Amino acid sequence: MEFLTGFEKFLSFIRPLVDIAIIAFLIYQVYKILLHTKAIQLIKGSVLVAMLYAMAYFMKLETLLWVMNKLGTVLVIIIAIVFQPEIRNLFTRFGQGRFLRFSAASRPYEIDTVLNAAEILSTMRRGCLIVFVGEIGLKNIIESGTRLNADISSNLILTIFGKDTPLHDGAVIIQGSRITAAGCFLPLSEQLDIKRSFGTRHRAAIGLSETTDSVILVVSEETGAISVASDGSLYYDLEKEDLTRTLRNLLSIKDKEERDKEGVEIED
C-alpha cells in the first residue's frame, strides 16, 4: 500500500510536467512548419485578436465584446476558407514528421547514377530537377508529365535535360530504381524569405518538399550549383562529398558494407 501511495504521489507530481512538455513540443512543431509560409500570418492575426479580446474583457468594453462575440463564428469560417491550403499542408506535414516514424527504411535509390548525370549537367550549365519520391505518393505530379517507367541511367537523364528537348523544363520523378515520369510540374514554394536569385527550379523544389517527404535534386542552369531540397529547406551548392552524404542521409540509403554487416548480424 505504501508503494502504491508513493507511486500515485509521483504520478501526481510528474503528470503536469508531462502534459506541459507535450503541449510545448506540439506548439514548437507547428511553429516550425508555419514559420516560412504565409500561414504564419494566421498565427500573428490570431494572437492579435486574442489580445484585443482580452483587453476588451478586462476593461469592460461592452460594445467591442458584443461585436467580437457576434463575429467569432464568422471569423473562424473565414479563416478556414482563406487559409485552407495552409491548413491542409499543416496536417500533411505534421503527419509526415520524422518524430512520428518508428524507423527509417533503406530505399533502393541509385543515386550514384543520378549524381553522375547531375555533375555532367552542372558542367554543361544545363538545369535539371530530379525528385526522389518518399512515402507520400505523387500521383497528381506524375500525371502532369509524361510517363516513362524506365530504368535509371545517366544517358537517359542527360537526354531528358538536353537543350530544347520537350521534357527538359519539367521534373524527373524517380521511384526506387525506376524513372516513373519526366516533364512533371511541381508546386512553387510560398515561402516569403527565399532569395530572389533562386529561379523557378529552386522554388519548385522547395515547394514540393514543403508538402511531401520527397527529396529533390536541383542543378542551376545559371551557376551550375547542385542543391538538395528536403522538408522545406534547401541545401545549396553542395560539393560532391557533401552532396552524396546529404542524399544518403535524407534517403536513408546505407552503404553496401553496412547492409552486408546487418545481413550477417541478422543471420546470426
C-alpha atoms as a PDB file:
ATOM      1  CA  MET A   1       0.000   0.000   0.000  1.00  0.00           C
ATOM      2  CA  GLU A   2       2.798   2.391   0.858  1.00  0.00           C
ATOM      3  CA  PHE A   3       4.388   1.662  -2.532  1.00  0.00           C
ATOM      4  CA  LEU A   4       1.122   2.410  -4.346  1.00  0.00           C
ATOM      5  CA  THR A   5       0.660   5.613  -2.378  1.00  0.00           C
ATOM      6  CA  GLY A   6       4.183   6.753  -3.217  1.00  0.00           C
ATOM      7  CA  PHE A   7       3.693   5.874  -6.878  1.00  0.00           C
ATOM      8  CA  GLU A   8       0.442   7.837  -7.002  1.00  0.00           C
ATOM      9  CA  LYS A   9       2.192  10.840  -5.468  1.00  0.00           C
ATOM     10  CA  PHE A  10       4.943  10.536  -8.076  1.00  0.00           C
ATOM     11  CA  LEU A  11       2.365  10.407 -10.889  1.00  0.00           C
ATOM     12  CA  SER A  12       0.519  13.424  -9.485  1.00  0.00           C
ATOM     13  CA  PHE A  13       3.836  15.312  -9.487  1.00  0.00           C
ATOM     14  CA  ILE A  14       5.076  14.242 -12.920  1.00  0.00           C
ATOM     15  CA  ARG A  15       1.731  14.370 -14.776  1.00  0.00           C
ATOM     16  CA  PRO A  16       1.539  18.199 -15.127  1.00  0.00           C
ATOM     17  CA  LEU A  17       5.161  18.308 -16.318  1.00  0.00           C
ATOM     18  CA  VAL A  18       4.498  15.672 -18.997  1.00  0.00           C
ATOM     19  CA  ASP A  19       1.326  17.482 -20.014  1.00  0.00           C
ATOM     20  CA  ILE A  20       3.146  20.805 -20.412  1.00  0.00           C
ATOM     21  CA  ALA A  21       6.099  19.170 -22.229  1.00  0.00           C
ATOM     22  CA  ILE A  22       3.821  17.510 -24.806  1.00  0.00           C
ATOM     23  CA  ILE A  23       1.869  20.717 -25.455  1.00  0.00           C
ATOM     24  CA  ALA A  24       5.090  22.727 -25.786  1.00  0.00           C
ATOM     25  CA  PHE A  25       6.532  20.133 -28.207  1.00  0.00           C
ATOM     26  CA  LEU A  26       3.402  20.198 -30.399  1.00  0.00           C
ATOM     27  CA  ILE A  27       3.316  24.001 -30.457  1.00  0.00           C
ATOM     28  CA  TYR A  28       7.010  24.105 -31.426  1.00  0.00           C
ATOM     29  CA  GLN A  29       6.498  21.596 -34.265  1.00  0.00           C
ATOM     30  CA  VAL A  30       3.522  23.542 -35.626  1.00  0.00           C
ATOM     31  CA  TYR A  31       5.506  26.790 -35.404  1.00  0.00           C
ATOM     32  CA  LYS A  32       8.436  25.257 -37.346  1.00  0.00           C
ATOM     33  CA  ILE A  33       6.064  24.121 -40.095  1.00  0.00           C
ATOM     34  CA  LEU A  34       4.385  27.518 -40.435  1.00  0.00           C
ATOM     35  CA  LEU A  35       7.458  29.670 -39.911  1.00  0.00           C
ATOM     36  CA  HIS A  36       8.454  30.033 -43.579  1.00  0.00           C
ATOM     37  CA  THR A  37       4.979  30.150 -45.091  1.00  0.00           C
ATOM     38  CA  LYS A  38       2.368  32.855 -45.302  1.00  0.00           C
ATOM     39  CA  ALA A  39       0.312  30.856 -42.793  1.00  0.00           C
ATOM     40  CA  ILE A  40       2.472  32.438 -40.094  1.00  0.00           C
ATOM     41  CA  GLN A  41       0.268  35.485 -40.655  1.00  0.00           C
ATOM     42  CA  LEU A  42      -2.621  33.371 -39.382  1.00  0.00           C
ATOM     43  CA  ILE A  43      -0.846  32.912 -36.064  1.00  0.00           C
ATOM     44  CA  LYS A  44       0.021  36.596 -35.788  1.00  0.00           C
ATOM     45  CA  GLY A  45      -3.559  37.581 -36.583  1.00  0.00           C
ATOM     46  CA  SER A  46      -4.964  35.106 -34.061  1.00  0.00           C
ATOM     47  CA  VAL A  47      -2.643  36.413 -31.330  1.00  0.00           C
ATOM     48  CA  LEU A  48      -3.680  39.998 -32.128  1.00  0.00           C
ATOM     49  CA  VAL A  49      -7.395  39.119 -31.942  1.00  0.00           C
ATOM     50  CA  ALA A  50      -6.843  37.256 -28.661  1.00  0.00           C
ATOM     51  CA  MET A  51      -5.021  40.260 -27.163  1.00  0.00           C
ATOM     52  CA  LEU A  52      -7.778  42.592 -28.354  1.00  0.00           C
ATOM     53  CA  TYR A  53     -10.435  40.351 -26.809  1.00  0.00           C
ATOM     54  CA  ALA A  54      -8.519  40.132 -23.514  1.00  0.00           C
ATOM     55  CA  MET A  55      -8.210  43.922 -23.405  1.00  0.00           C
ATOM     56  CA  ALA A  56     -11.939  44.333 -24.057  1.00  0.00           C
ATOM     57  CA  TYR A  57     -12.778  41.772 -21.369  1.00  0.00           C
ATOM     58  CA  PHE A  58     -10.626  43.249 -18.601  1.00  0.00           C
ATOM     59  CA  MET A  59     -11.523  46.854 -19.456  1.00  0.00           C
ATOM     60  CA  LYS A  60     -15.238  46.007 -19.695  1.00  0.00           C
ATOM     61  CA  LEU A  61     -15.600  47.354 -23.233  1.00  0.00           C
ATOM     62  CA  GLU A  62     -19.115  46.013 -23.713  1.00  0.00           C
ATOM     63  CA  THR A  63     -19.633  47.166 -27.299  1.00  0.00           C
ATOM     64  CA  LEU A  64     -16.346  45.674 -28.506  1.00  0.00           C
ATOM     65  CA  LEU A  65     -17.049  42.423 -26.639  1.00  0.00           C
ATOM     66  CA  TRP A  66     -20.509  42.210 -28.222  1.00  0.00           C
ATOM     67  CA  VAL A  67     -19.088  42.732 -31.718  1.00  0.00           C
ATOM     68  CA  MET A  68     -16.293  40.181 -31.241  1.00  0.00           C
ATOM     69  CA  ASN A  69     -18.660  37.566 -29.782  1.00  0.00           C
ATOM     70  CA  LYS A  70     -21.037  38.004 -32.718  1.00  0.00           C
ATOM     71  CA  LEU A  71     -18.243  37.791 -35.277  1.00  0.00           C
ATOM     72  CA  GLY A  72     -16.409  34.896 -33.599  1.00  0.00           C
ATOM     73  CA  THR A  73     -18.062  32.087 -35.593  1.00  0.00           C
ATOM     74  CA  VAL A  74     -17.862  34.063 -38.841  1.00  0.00           C
ATOM     75  CA  LEU A  75     -14.143  34.716 -38.333  1.00  0.00           C
ATOM     76  CA  VAL A  76     -13.455  31.010 -37.837  1.00  0.00           C
ATOM     77  CA  ILE A  77     -15.222  30.205 -41.120  1.00  0.00           C
ATOM     78  CA  ILE A  78     -13.385  32.991 -42.959  1.00  0.00           C
ATOM     79  CA  ILE A  79     -10.024  31.805 -41.636  1.00  0.00           C
ATOM     80  CA  ALA A  80     -10.805  28.208 -42.647  1.00  0.00           C
ATOM     81  CA  ILE A  81     -11.652  29.319 -46.203  1.00  0.00           C
ATOM     82  CA  VAL A  82      -8.818  31.803 -46.727  1.00  0.00           C
ATOM     83  CA  PHE A  83      -6.103  29.602 -45.223  1.00  0.00           C
ATOM     84  CA  GLN A  84      -7.442  26.265 -46.475  1.00  0.00           C
ATOM     85  CA  PRO A  85      -4.242  25.356 -48.407  1.00  0.00           C
ATOM     86  CA  GLU A  86      -2.044  26.233 -45.420  1.00  0.00           C
ATOM     87  CA  ILE A  87      -4.230  24.253 -43.011  1.00  0.00           C
ATOM     88  CA  ARG A  88      -4.137  21.239 -45.346  1.00  0.00           C
ATOM     89  CA  ASN A  89      -0.356  21.490 -45.666  1.00  0.00           C
ATOM     90  CA  LEU A  90      -0.050  21.811 -41.902  1.00  0.00           C
ATOM     91  CA  PHE A  91      -1.759  18.483 -41.262  1.00  0.00           C
ATOM     92  CA  THR A  92       0.107  16.841 -44.136  1.00  0.00           C
ATOM     93  CA  ARG A  93       3.492  17.993 -42.832  1.00  0.00           C
ATOM     94  CA  PHE A  94       2.550  17.176 -39.261  1.00  0.00           C
ATOM     95  CA  GLY A  95       1.529  13.652 -40.253  1.00  0.00           C
ATOM     96  CA  GLN A  96       4.773  13.033 -42.153  1.00  0.00           C
ATOM     97  CA  GLY A  97       7.006  14.397 -39.367  1.00  0.00           C
ATOM     98  CA  ARG A  98      10.062  12.295 -38.554  1.00  0.00           C
ATOM     99  CA  PHE A  99       9.131  12.176 -34.879  1.00  0.00           C
ATOM    100  CA  LEU A 100       6.074  10.072 -35.855  1.00  0.00           C
ATOM    101  CA  ARG A 101       8.116   7.475 -37.757  1.00  0.00           C
ATOM    102  CA  PHE A 102       9.190   4.379 -35.909  1.00  0.00           C
ATOM    103  CA  SER A 103      12.029   3.511 -38.276  1.00  0.00           C
ATOM    104  CA  ALA A 104      13.822   4.764 -41.361  1.00  0.00           C
ATOM    105  CA  ALA A 105      13.646   2.173 -44.091  1.00  0.00           C
ATOM    106  CA  SER A 106      16.516   1.931 -46.524  1.00  0.00           C
ATOM    107  CA  ARG A 107      15.372   2.875 -50.035  1.00  0.00           C
ATOM    108  CA  PRO A 108      16.863   1.346 -53.190  1.00  0.00           C
ATOM    109  CA  TYR A 109      17.728   4.571 -54.986  1.00  0.00           C
ATOM    110  CA  GLU A 110      20.617   4.502 -57.452  1.00  0.00           C
ATOM    111  CA  ILE A 111      21.983   7.898 -56.501  1.00  0.00           C
ATOM    112  CA  ASP A 112      25.453   7.307 -57.964  1.00  0.00           C
ATOM    113  CA  THR A 113      23.962   7.095 -61.456  1.00  0.00           C
ATOM    114  CA  VAL A 114      21.845  10.177 -60.855  1.00  0.00           C
ATOM    115  CA  LEU A 115      24.731  12.165 -59.377  1.00  0.00           C
ATOM    116  CA  ASN A 116      26.944  11.270 -62.329  1.00  0.00           C
ATOM    117  CA  ALA A 117      24.360  12.779 -64.687  1.00  0.00           C
ATOM    118  CA  ALA A 118      23.874  15.802 -62.397  1.00  0.00           C
ATOM    119  CA  GLU A 119      27.612  16.564 -62.393  1.00  0.00           C
ATOM    120  CA  ILE A 120      27.753  16.433 -66.189  1.00  0.00           C
ATOM    121  CA  LEU A 121      24.725  18.715 -66.461  1.00  0.00           C
ATOM    122  CA  SER A 122      26.342  21.071 -63.944  1.00  0.00           C
ATOM    123  CA  THR A 123      29.491  21.270 -66.053  1.00  0.00           C
ATOM    124  CA  MET A 124      27.410  21.931 -69.174  1.00  0.00           C
ATOM    125  CA  ARG A 125      25.327  24.582 -67.344  1.00  0.00           C
ATOM    126  CA  ARG A 126      22.106  22.751 -68.021  1.00  0.00           C
ATOM    127  CA  GLY A 127      19.473  22.893 -65.324  1.00  0.00           C
ATOM    128  CA  CYS A 128      17.682  19.827 -64.027  1.00  0.00           C
ATOM    129  CA  LEU A 129      15.107  18.870 -61.425  1.00  0.00           C
ATOM    130  CA  ILE A 130      15.025  15.306 -60.104  1.00  0.00           C
ATOM    131  CA  VAL A 131      12.545  14.095 -57.469  1.00  0.00           C
ATOM    132  CA  PHE A 132      13.173  11.072 -55.238  1.00  0.00           C
ATOM    133  CA  VAL A 133       9.705  10.001 -54.106  1.00  0.00           C
ATOM    134  CA  GLY A 134       9.263   9.212 -50.407  1.00  0.00           C
ATOM    135  CA  GLU A 135       6.359   7.595 -48.584  1.00  0.00           C
ATOM    136  CA  ILE A 136       3.841  10.188 -49.769  1.00  0.00           C
ATOM    137  CA  GLY A 137       2.662   9.423 -53.301  1.00  0.00           C
ATOM    138  CA  LEU A 138       2.922  11.941 -56.141  1.00  0.00           C
ATOM    139  CA  LYS A 139       0.155  10.699 -58.420  1.00  0.00           C
ATOM    140  CA  ASN A 140      -1.039  14.171 -59.437  1.00  0.00           C
ATOM    141  CA  ILE A 141       2.535  15.318 -60.066  1.00  0.00           C
ATOM    142  CA  ILE A 142       3.297  12.249 -62.180  1.00  0.00           C
ATOM    143  CA  GLU A 143       0.120  12.712 -64.226  1.00  0.00           C
ATOM    144  CA  SER A 144       1.206  16.271 -65.087  1.00  0.00           C
ATOM    145  CA  GLY A 145       4.170  14.902 -67.069  1.00  0.00           C
ATOM    146  CA  THR A 146       4.985  12.049 -69.416  1.00  0.00           C
ATOM    147  CA  ARG A 147       5.142   8.512 -68.039  1.00  0.00           C
ATOM    148  CA  LEU A 148       8.349   6.632 -68.835  1.00  0.00           C
ATOM    149  CA  ASN A 149       8.681   3.701 -66.410  1.00  0.00           C
ATOM    150  CA  ALA A 150      12.294   3.283 -67.489  1.00  0.00           C
ATOM    151  CA  ASP A 151      15.452   2.034 -65.825  1.00  0.00           C
ATOM    152  CA  ILE A 152      17.635   4.741 -64.304  1.00  0.00           C
ATOM    153  CA  SER A 153      20.605   5.623 -66.474  1.00  0.00           C
ATOM    154  CA  SER A 154      22.855   8.666 -66.784  1.00  0.00           C
ATOM    155  CA  ASN A 155      22.359   8.784 -70.552  1.00  0.00           C
ATOM    156  CA  LEU A 156      18.573   8.889 -70.213  1.00  0.00           C
ATOM    157  CA  ILE A 157      18.737  11.714 -67.671  1.00  0.00           C
ATOM    158  CA  LEU A 158      21.157  13.651 -69.878  1.00  0.00           C
ATOM    159  CA  THR A 159      18.841  13.156 -72.854  1.00  0.00           C
ATOM    160  CA  ILE A 160      15.781  14.358 -70.930  1.00  0.00           C
ATOM    161  CA  PHE A 161      17.500  17.539 -69.786  1.00  0.00           C
ATOM    162  CA  GLY A 162      19.258  18.172 -73.070  1.00  0.00           C
ATOM    163  CA  LYS A 163      18.893  21.583 -74.675  1.00  0.00           C
ATOM    164  CA  ASP A 164      15.463  22.269 -76.241  1.00  0.00           C
ATOM    165  CA  THR A 165      14.121  18.759 -75.583  1.00  0.00           C
ATOM    166  CA  PRO A 166      10.337  18.567 -74.923  1.00  0.00           C
ATOM    167  CA  LEU A 167      10.780  17.410 -71.309  1.00  0.00           C
ATOM    168  CA  HIS A 168      13.738  19.482 -70.131  1.00  0.00           C
ATOM    169  CA  ASP A 169      11.684  22.172 -68.356  1.00  0.00           C
ATOM    170  CA  GLY A 170       9.893  19.781 -66.023  1.00  0.00           C
ATOM    171  CA  ALA A 171      10.995  17.409 -63.275  1.00  0.00           C
ATOM    172  CA  VAL A 172      12.031  13.776 -63.460  1.00  0.00           C
ATOM    173  CA  ILE A 173      10.272  11.535 -60.925  1.00  0.00           C
ATOM    174  CA  ILE A 174      12.257   8.604 -59.515  1.00  0.00           C
ATOM    175  CA  GLN A 175      10.651   5.807 -57.523  1.00  0.00           C
ATOM    176  CA  GLY A 176      13.067   3.161 -56.341  1.00  0.00           C
ATOM    177  CA  SER A 177      15.157   2.003 -59.290  1.00  0.00           C
ATOM    178  CA  ARG A 178      12.829   3.378 -61.976  1.00  0.00           C
ATOM    179  CA  ILE A 179      12.268   6.726 -63.657  1.00  0.00           C
ATOM    180  CA  THR A 180       8.494   6.929 -63.422  1.00  0.00           C
ATOM    181  CA  ALA A 181       7.892  10.132 -65.376  1.00  0.00           C
ATOM    182  CA  ALA A 182       9.521  13.239 -66.821  1.00  0.00           C
ATOM    183  CA  GLY A 183       8.430  16.755 -67.690  1.00  0.00           C
ATOM    184  CA  CYS A 184       6.372  16.973 -64.485  1.00  0.00           C
ATOM    185  CA  PHE A 185       5.251  20.264 -62.961  1.00  0.00           C
ATOM    186  CA  LEU A 186       5.916  20.938 -59.273  1.00  0.00           C
ATOM    187  CA  PRO A 187       4.156  23.427 -56.983  1.00  0.00           C
ATOM    188  CA  LEU A 188       6.132  26.604 -56.298  1.00  0.00           C
ATOM    189  CA  SER A 189       7.088  27.483 -52.743  1.00  0.00           C
ATOM    190  CA  GLU A 190       5.142  30.168 -50.899  1.00  0.00           C
ATOM    191  CA  GLN A 191       7.977  30.997 -48.518  1.00  0.00           C
ATOM    192  CA  LEU A 192       8.484  34.723 -48.168  1.00  0.00           C
ATOM    193  CA  ASP A 193      12.217  34.730 -47.466  1.00  0.00           C
ATOM    194  CA  ILE A 194      13.537  32.796 -50.475  1.00  0.00           C
ATOM    195  CA  LYS A 195      16.483  34.503 -52.155  1.00  0.00           C
ATOM    196  CA  ARG A 196      15.476  36.424 -55.248  1.00  0.00           C
ATOM    197  CA  SER A 197      18.407  34.874 -57.082  1.00  0.00           C
ATOM    198  CA  PHE A 198      16.712  31.480 -56.918  1.00  0.00           C
ATOM    199  CA  GLY A 199      14.897  30.614 -60.115  1.00  0.00           C
ATOM    200  CA  THR A 200      11.771  28.601 -60.784  1.00  0.00           C
ATOM    201  CA  ARG A 201      13.542  25.244 -60.366  1.00  0.00           C
ATOM    202  CA  HIS A 202      14.699  26.037 -56.837  1.00  0.00           C
ATOM    203  CA  ARG A 203      11.290  27.412 -55.860  1.00  0.00           C
ATOM    204  CA  ALA A 204       9.606  24.323 -57.286  1.00  0.00           C
ATOM    205  CA  ALA A 205      11.994  22.018 -55.412  1.00  0.00           C
ATOM    206  CA  ILE A 206      11.353  23.779 -52.117  1.00  0.00           C
ATOM    207  CA  GLY A 207       7.628  23.897 -52.842  1.00  0.00           C
ATOM    208  CA  LEU A 208       7.321  20.142 -53.273  1.00  0.00           C
ATOM    209  CA  SER A 209       9.476  19.474 -50.209  1.00  0.00           C
ATOM    210  CA  GLU A 210       7.121  21.649 -48.133  1.00  0.00           C
ATOM    211  CA  THR A 211       4.111  19.395 -48.751  1.00  0.00           C
ATOM    212  CA  THR A 212       5.681  15.935 -49.171  1.00  0.00           C
ATOM    213  CA  ASP A 213       8.583  13.877 -47.844  1.00  0.00           C
ATOM    214  CA  SER A 214      10.237  13.771 -51.276  1.00  0.00           C
ATOM    215  CA  VAL A 215      13.883  14.747 -51.699  1.00  0.00           C
ATOM    216  CA  ILE A 216      14.603  16.943 -54.719  1.00  0.00           C
ATOM    217  CA  LEU A 217      17.910  17.391 -56.533  1.00  0.00           C
ATOM    218  CA  VAL A 218      18.396  20.683 -58.397  1.00  0.00           C
ATOM    219  CA  VAL A 219      21.065  21.798 -60.846  1.00  0.00           C
ATOM    220  CA  SER A 220      21.167  25.520 -61.525  1.00  0.00           C
ATOM    221  CA  GLU A 221      21.274  26.494 -65.185  1.00  0.00           C
ATOM    222  CA  GLU A 222      22.900  29.863 -64.371  1.00  0.00           C
ATOM    223  CA  THR A 223      25.624  28.806 -61.931  1.00  0.00           C
ATOM    224  CA  GLY A 224      25.822  25.021 -62.250  1.00  0.00           C
ATOM    225  CA  ALA A 225      25.353  24.715 -58.472  1.00  0.00           C
ATOM    226  CA  ILE A 226      23.937  21.365 -57.325  1.00  0.00           C
ATOM    227  CA  SER A 227      21.484  21.625 -54.424  1.00  0.00           C
ATOM    228  CA  VAL A 228      19.088  19.410 -52.493  1.00  0.00           C
ATOM    229  CA  ALA A 229      15.655  20.345 -51.132  1.00  0.00           C
ATOM    230  CA  SER A 230      14.001  18.484 -48.254  1.00  0.00           C
ATOM    231  CA  ASP A 231      11.446  19.291 -45.585  1.00  0.00           C
ATOM    232  CA  GLY A 232      11.058  22.870 -46.781  1.00  0.00           C
ATOM    233  CA  SER A 233      14.806  23.590 -46.649  1.00  0.00           C
ATOM    234  CA  LEU A 234      17.389  23.956 -49.418  1.00  0.00           C
ATOM    235  CA  TYR A 235      20.970  22.694 -49.101  1.00  0.00           C
ATOM    236  CA  TYR A 236      22.541  24.974 -51.681  1.00  0.00           C
ATOM    237  CA  ASP A 237      25.655  24.448 -53.831  1.00  0.00           C
ATOM    238  CA  LEU A 238      26.953  21.242 -52.237  1.00  0.00           C
ATOM    239  CA  GLU A 239      30.346  19.765 -53.027  1.00  0.00           C
ATOM    240  CA  LYS A 240      30.449  16.184 -54.300  1.00  0.00           C
ATOM    241  CA  GLU A 241      31.187  14.529 -50.947  1.00  0.00           C
ATOM    242  CA  ASP A 242      28.664  16.676 -49.073  1.00  0.00           C
ATOM    243  CA  LEU A 243      26.089  16.102 -51.797  1.00  0.00           C
ATOM    244  CA  THR A 244      26.458  12.314 -51.659  1.00  0.00           C
ATOM    245  CA  ARG A 245      26.380  12.255 -47.866  1.00  0.00           C
ATOM    246  CA  THR A 246      23.347  14.552 -47.696  1.00  0.00           C
ATOM    247  CA  LEU A 247      21.375  12.498 -50.202  1.00  0.00           C
ATOM    248  CA  ARG A 248      22.218   9.238 -48.456  1.00  0.00           C
ATOM    249  CA  ASN A 249      21.147  10.637 -45.107  1.00  0.00           C
ATOM    250  CA  LEU A 250      17.896  12.114 -46.409  1.00  0.00           C
ATOM    251  CA  LEU A 251      17.010   8.980 -48.361  1.00  0.00           C
ATOM    252  CA  SER A 252      18.185   6.631 -45.578  1.00  0.00           C
ATOM    253  CA  ILE A 253      20.488   4.837 -48.014  1.00  0.00           C
ATOM    254  CA  LYS A 254      23.103   2.585 -46.475  1.00  0.00           C
ATOM    255  CA  ASP A 255      26.422   1.653 -47.970  1.00  0.00           C
ATOM    256  CA  LYS A 256      26.946  -1.894 -49.201  1.00  0.00           C
ATOM    257  CA  GLU A 257      29.296  -2.635 -46.295  1.00  0.00           C
ATOM    258  CA  GLU A 258      26.620  -1.578 -43.801  1.00  0.00           C
ATOM    259  CA  ARG A 259      23.981  -3.710 -45.495  1.00  0.00           C
ATOM    260  CA  ASP A 260      26.285  -6.717 -45.571  1.00  0.00           C
ATOM    261  CA  LYS A 261      27.120  -6.258 -41.897  1.00  0.00           C
ATOM    262  CA  GLU A 262      23.437  -6.058 -40.964  1.00  0.00           C
ATOM    263  CA  GLY A 263      22.779  -9.164 -43.047  1.00  0.00           C
ATOM    264  CA  VAL A 264      25.413 -11.104 -41.106  1.00  0.00           C
ATOM    265  CA  GLU A 265      24.010  -9.938 -37.797  1.00  0.00           C
ATOM    266  CA  ILE A 266      20.508 -10.989 -38.783  1.00  0.00           C
ATOM    267  CA  GLU A 267      21.685 -14.449 -39.839  1.00  0.00           C
ATOM    268  CA  ASP A 268      23.414 -14.927 -36.511  1.00  0.00           C
END
